[in-house]
Protein backbone atom coordinates (compact mmCIF):
# COMPACT_ATOMS: atom_id res chain seq x y z
CA MET A 1 -44.99 32.18 -46.07
CA ILE A 2 -46.55 32.29 -41.91
CA SER A 3 -45.15 28.95 -40.55
CA GLY A 4 -47.50 27.03 -37.89
CA SER A 5 -45.52 28.15 -35.15
CA PHE A 6 -47.03 31.46 -35.88
CA PHE A 7 -50.40 30.19 -34.89
CA LYS A 8 -49.54 28.06 -33.03
CA ASN A 9 -47.71 30.89 -30.40
CA ARG A 10 -51.13 33.42 -31.00
CA ILE A 11 -52.94 30.23 -29.84
CA GLY A 12 -51.03 29.95 -26.66
CA ALA A 13 -51.48 33.78 -26.05
CA LYS A 14 -55.16 33.86 -26.29
CA SER A 15 -55.68 30.74 -24.03
CA ALA A 16 -53.01 32.38 -21.34
CA LYS A 17 -54.95 35.38 -21.64
CA LYS A 18 -58.38 33.85 -21.16
CA LEU A 19 -56.64 31.62 -18.24
CA HIS A 20 -55.55 34.89 -16.81
CA TYR A 21 -59.31 36.56 -16.60
CA PHE A 22 -60.32 33.05 -15.37
CA GLY A 23 -57.70 33.38 -12.61
CA VAL A 24 -58.70 36.84 -11.90
CA ILE A 25 -62.08 36.34 -11.44
CA PHE A 26 -61.82 33.44 -9.62
CA PHE A 27 -60.22 35.18 -7.06
CA LEU A 28 -62.76 37.76 -7.18
CA LEU A 29 -65.98 35.70 -6.59
CA LEU A 30 -63.61 34.31 -4.05
CA ILE A 31 -63.56 37.34 -2.03
CA ALA A 32 -67.48 38.06 -2.58
CA SER A 33 -67.89 34.79 -0.82
CA LEU A 34 -65.57 35.78 1.99
CA LEU A 35 -67.15 38.69 2.77
CA THR A 36 -70.76 37.26 2.52
CA ILE A 37 -69.80 33.95 4.79
CA THR A 38 -68.10 36.25 7.63
CA GLN A 39 -71.97 37.35 7.44
CA MET A 40 -74.13 34.64 6.97
CA ARG A 41 -72.32 32.74 9.86
CA SER A 42 -74.42 33.79 12.59
CA ASN A 43 -78.13 32.94 10.51
CA ALA A 44 -79.17 36.34 10.89
CA ILE A 45 -79.17 39.84 9.07
CA ILE A 46 -78.01 42.38 11.40
CA ILE A 47 -80.50 44.85 11.20
CA GLY A 48 -78.59 48.71 10.46
CA SER A 49 -80.02 52.36 10.02
CA ASP A 50 -81.37 51.54 6.42
CA GLN A 51 -81.79 47.61 6.26
CA LEU A 52 -85.24 47.18 7.92
CA PHE A 53 -86.56 49.86 5.56
CA HIS A 54 -85.20 47.58 2.82
CA ILE A 55 -85.92 44.38 3.84
CA SER A 56 -89.47 45.28 4.73
CA ARG A 57 -89.79 46.69 0.95
CA ILE A 58 -88.07 43.16 -0.52
CA HIS A 59 -90.99 41.66 1.80
CA GLU A 60 -93.38 43.90 0.66
CA LEU A 61 -92.81 43.41 -3.09
CA SER A 62 -92.26 39.12 -2.56
CA VAL A 63 -95.63 39.11 -1.07
CA ASP A 64 -96.66 41.10 -4.13
CA ILE A 65 -95.50 38.84 -6.50
CA SER A 66 -96.78 35.31 -4.64
CA ARG A 67 -100.10 37.02 -5.37
CA GLY A 68 -99.88 37.61 -8.73
CA GLN A 69 -99.28 41.68 -8.41
CA ILE A 70 -95.84 42.14 -10.64
CA PHE A 71 -95.73 45.67 -9.26
CA PRO A 72 -95.41 46.60 -5.79
CA THR A 73 -98.71 48.05 -3.62
CA ASN A 74 -98.26 50.54 -0.98
CA GLY A 75 -97.00 48.47 1.24
CA PHE A 76 -99.80 47.43 3.31
CA ASN A 77 -97.87 44.15 3.65
CA SER A 78 -95.39 45.27 5.85
CA PHE A 79 -94.58 49.14 7.27
CA GLY A 80 -96.64 48.18 10.09
CA GLY A 81 -99.76 47.17 8.01
CA ILE A 82 -100.37 51.24 7.98
CA GLY A 83 -99.27 51.42 4.09
CA LEU A 84 -96.41 53.43 2.66
CA ALA A 85 -96.57 55.18 -0.80
CA VAL A 86 -92.65 55.38 -0.73
CA ASN A 87 -92.26 52.61 -3.95
CA SER A 88 -93.83 55.65 -5.93
CA PHE A 89 -90.88 57.19 -5.79
CA TYR A 90 -88.06 55.24 -4.63
CA PRO A 91 -86.77 52.74 -7.11
CA TYR A 92 -87.33 49.34 -6.44
CA LEU A 93 -86.13 47.54 -9.53
CA LEU A 94 -83.37 46.27 -8.17
CA LEU A 95 -85.17 44.45 -5.12
CA TYR A 96 -86.73 42.39 -7.70
CA PRO A 97 -84.23 39.37 -7.28
CA PHE A 98 -84.22 39.94 -3.53
CA ALA A 99 -87.99 39.16 -3.75
CA ILE A 100 -87.69 36.42 -6.01
CA ALA A 101 -84.98 34.82 -4.29
CA ASN A 102 -87.08 35.40 -0.88
CA LEU A 103 -89.75 32.85 -2.48
CA PHE A 104 -87.52 29.99 -2.93
CA LEU A 105 -84.79 30.37 0.25
CA SER A 106 -85.44 31.88 3.75
CA PRO A 107 -85.17 35.90 3.92
CA VAL A 108 -81.85 35.34 5.62
CA HIS A 109 -80.64 33.33 2.56
CA ALA A 110 -82.09 34.95 -0.17
CA TYR A 111 -81.04 38.48 1.30
CA PHE A 112 -77.43 37.07 1.43
CA VAL A 113 -77.30 35.20 -1.82
CA CYS A 114 -78.30 38.43 -3.85
CA MET A 115 -75.75 40.58 -1.72
CA TRP A 116 -73.12 37.77 -3.12
CA MET A 117 -74.18 38.89 -6.14
CA ILE A 118 -73.98 42.68 -5.96
CA ILE A 119 -70.67 42.05 -4.13
CA SER A 120 -68.98 40.16 -7.23
CA PHE A 121 -70.77 42.10 -10.07
CA SER A 122 -69.22 45.30 -8.03
CA LEU A 123 -65.65 43.01 -7.98
CA ILE A 124 -65.70 42.31 -11.62
CA LEU A 125 -66.85 45.45 -12.98
CA SER A 126 -64.27 47.72 -10.78
CA TYR A 127 -61.34 45.53 -12.45
CA PHE A 128 -62.38 45.65 -15.93
CA CYS A 129 -63.08 49.46 -15.61
CA ALA A 130 -59.51 49.94 -14.26
CA ARG A 131 -58.51 47.56 -16.82
CA ILE A 132 -59.13 49.57 -19.22
CA PHE A 133 -58.34 52.53 -17.71
CA LEU A 134 -55.00 51.74 -16.28
CA ASN A 135 -54.06 49.30 -19.02
CA HIS A 136 -52.31 47.51 -15.95
CA GLN A 137 -53.87 43.82 -14.94
CA SER A 138 -52.66 43.83 -11.24
CA GLY A 139 -53.77 47.58 -11.00
CA ALA A 140 -56.93 46.71 -11.91
CA PHE A 141 -57.14 44.10 -9.35
CA ALA A 142 -55.51 46.02 -6.47
CA PHE A 143 -57.97 48.74 -7.54
CA SER A 144 -60.85 46.25 -7.36
CA VAL A 145 -59.92 44.86 -3.84
CA LEU A 146 -59.44 47.93 -2.39
CA TYR A 147 -62.59 49.97 -4.03
CA ASN A 148 -64.66 47.19 -2.55
CA VAL A 149 -63.21 46.33 0.96
CA SER A 150 -62.87 49.86 1.32
CA GLN A 151 -64.59 51.05 4.76
CA TYR A 152 -67.49 52.95 3.27
CA MET A 153 -68.26 49.64 1.26
CA ILE A 154 -68.01 47.31 4.29
CA PHE A 155 -69.94 49.32 6.21
CA GLN A 156 -72.56 48.90 3.38
CA TYR A 157 -72.50 45.81 3.17
CA THR A 158 -72.43 44.87 6.86
CA PHE A 159 -74.26 47.41 9.11
CA ARG A 160 -75.93 49.78 7.21
CA GLY A 161 -77.39 48.03 4.33
CA ASP A 162 -79.30 50.50 2.11
CA VAL A 163 -78.95 48.23 -0.83
CA GLY A 164 -80.21 51.09 -3.11
CA GLU A 165 -77.31 53.28 -2.44
CA LEU A 166 -74.68 50.06 -2.58
CA CYS A 167 -75.95 49.25 -6.08
CA ALA A 168 -74.92 52.61 -7.07
CA LEU A 169 -71.96 52.84 -5.87
CA THR A 170 -70.77 49.62 -7.78
CA LEU A 171 -71.50 51.81 -11.09
CA VAL A 172 -69.29 54.71 -10.11
CA PRO A 173 -66.29 52.86 -11.84
CA LEU A 174 -68.50 52.83 -14.70
CA ILE A 175 -69.62 56.04 -14.53
CA PHE A 176 -65.71 57.67 -13.63
CA LEU A 177 -64.61 55.93 -17.13
CA ALA A 178 -67.82 56.53 -19.41
CA THR A 179 -66.72 60.23 -18.02
CA VAL A 180 -63.21 60.08 -19.05
CA LYS A 181 -63.93 58.46 -22.53
CA LEU A 182 -65.78 61.33 -23.36
CA PHE A 183 -62.44 63.43 -24.33
CA GLU A 184 -61.06 60.21 -26.50
CA SER A 185 -61.90 58.55 -29.35
CA GLY A 186 -64.03 55.15 -29.27
CA ARG A 187 -67.72 54.52 -27.67
CA LEU A 188 -66.91 53.65 -24.61
CA TRP A 189 -68.60 57.07 -23.36
CA LEU A 190 -72.04 55.29 -24.39
CA LEU A 191 -71.51 53.73 -21.20
CA LEU A 192 -72.18 57.07 -19.27
CA PRO A 193 -75.95 57.02 -19.62
CA LEU A 194 -76.45 53.64 -19.26
CA GLY A 195 -74.42 54.14 -16.12
CA MET A 196 -76.48 57.24 -14.77
CA ALA A 197 -80.27 55.23 -15.92
CA GLY A 198 -78.67 51.72 -13.45
CA ILE A 199 -77.99 54.16 -10.50
CA SER A 200 -81.39 56.04 -11.05
CA TYR A 201 -83.13 53.27 -10.46
CA SER A 202 -81.25 52.34 -7.85
CA HIS A 203 -81.05 55.14 -5.27
CA PHE A 204 -82.04 58.33 -7.20
CA LEU A 205 -80.80 60.54 -5.03
CA SER A 206 -77.05 59.46 -6.04
CA VAL A 207 -77.97 60.60 -9.68
CA PHE A 208 -77.06 64.22 -8.58
CA ILE A 209 -74.33 63.45 -6.32
CA PHE A 210 -72.37 61.91 -9.36
CA GLY A 211 -73.76 64.29 -11.51
CA LEU A 212 -71.84 66.80 -9.45
CA LEU A 213 -68.74 64.96 -9.27
CA ILE A 214 -69.14 64.59 -13.46
CA LEU A 215 -69.63 68.58 -13.85
CA VAL A 216 -66.49 69.27 -11.11
CA TYR A 217 -64.29 66.86 -13.38
CA LEU A 218 -65.37 68.52 -16.73
CA CYS A 219 -64.64 71.99 -15.33
CA THR A 220 -61.27 70.74 -14.58
CA ARG A 221 -60.60 69.46 -18.12
CA ILE A 222 -62.13 73.06 -19.62
CA ASN A 223 -59.08 73.42 -22.14
CA ASP A 224 -59.84 70.15 -23.45
CA TRP A 225 -63.41 71.37 -24.18
CA GLN A 226 -64.60 70.85 -28.20
CA ALA A 227 -67.80 70.31 -29.97
CA GLN A 228 -67.66 66.97 -29.81
CA LEU A 229 -67.89 66.83 -26.62
CA PHE A 230 -70.97 68.47 -26.24
CA LYS A 231 -72.51 66.59 -29.04
CA ARG A 232 -71.81 63.50 -26.92
CA LEU A 233 -72.99 65.01 -23.40
CA LEU A 234 -76.38 65.83 -25.26
CA ILE A 235 -76.74 62.39 -26.51
CA SER A 236 -75.79 60.67 -23.10
CA VAL A 237 -78.87 62.93 -21.67
CA LEU A 238 -81.23 61.95 -24.36
CA ILE A 239 -80.94 58.42 -24.07
CA TYR A 240 -80.34 58.68 -20.23
CA LEU A 241 -84.26 60.21 -20.37
CA VAL A 242 -85.71 57.39 -22.69
CA ILE A 243 -84.03 54.40 -20.18
CA VAL A 244 -85.78 56.31 -17.15
CA SER A 245 -88.52 57.88 -18.57
CA PRO A 246 -91.00 54.71 -16.81
CA MET A 247 -89.84 55.60 -13.77
CA ILE A 248 -90.15 59.25 -14.30
CA PHE A 249 -93.39 58.78 -15.50
CA MET A 250 -94.75 56.83 -12.42
CA MET A 251 -93.57 59.38 -10.07
CA LEU A 252 -95.91 62.19 -12.20
CA TRP A 253 -98.60 59.52 -11.90
CA ALA A 254 -98.40 59.08 -8.12
CA ARG A 255 -98.51 62.88 -7.73
CA SER A 256 -101.69 63.49 -9.91
CA GLY A 257 -104.65 64.18 -8.35
CA VAL A 258 -103.03 63.75 -5.33
CA GLU A 259 -102.28 66.52 -3.02
CA LEU A 260 -98.50 65.61 -1.53
CA TYR A 261 -97.21 67.66 1.38
CA LEU A 262 -93.35 68.08 1.81
CA PRO A 263 -91.85 68.77 4.88
CA ASP A 264 -89.91 72.52 5.39
CA LEU A 265 -86.59 72.46 4.66
């Protein structure tokens, strides 16, 4: 027979594990709060190289929503009132939280509340991805903190302000974990198309950059290539195309019937 102490130990272990995760999440949220509060003290947004562009897009989308227009127009409410068709080619899905928050809060507070959400999500996602990959709690916590307070991430939080690229960078640990899991059992590799789709809706250029890095990693493990790998890659591509098909359709529709002149490179 199994004694009652066995169940008590099991319950105690589960409670300790939950308490540990709550503690980790609390400290990660505290770090996100500190990173955000240090910028909010001046009650102003530092305008960096890309920040004004994205703030203008947020303002445009917020005005459209307030007028009952769910999808963004061509930028006649910002960008000097002359219009800008960038919304047809630049993903704007992840700007909706900023735009909706802008309806209830001041532009400065709405911006920093959403930035706090992005930083918190990045810290927590980084921790759990590293926890699975390293199978080490302290190492996962250290990775999460070091990744999210790295020089380039801090540069994104503060002076550069490229919201799209920042959202894409939050998914890098997920992409790396899913790529590694392509060679292992289980279904975590299915996170790869989901992560790449999330990057597509954040910063489309990053898809090509991270795709190239994935290809390089796969080439370093050429000795491990099997039929299962190609099957999983094919499934990943199909899932990815299904998820991003609305965005691709919008791009193709914007180009149909309109002659676009691209700059010479």
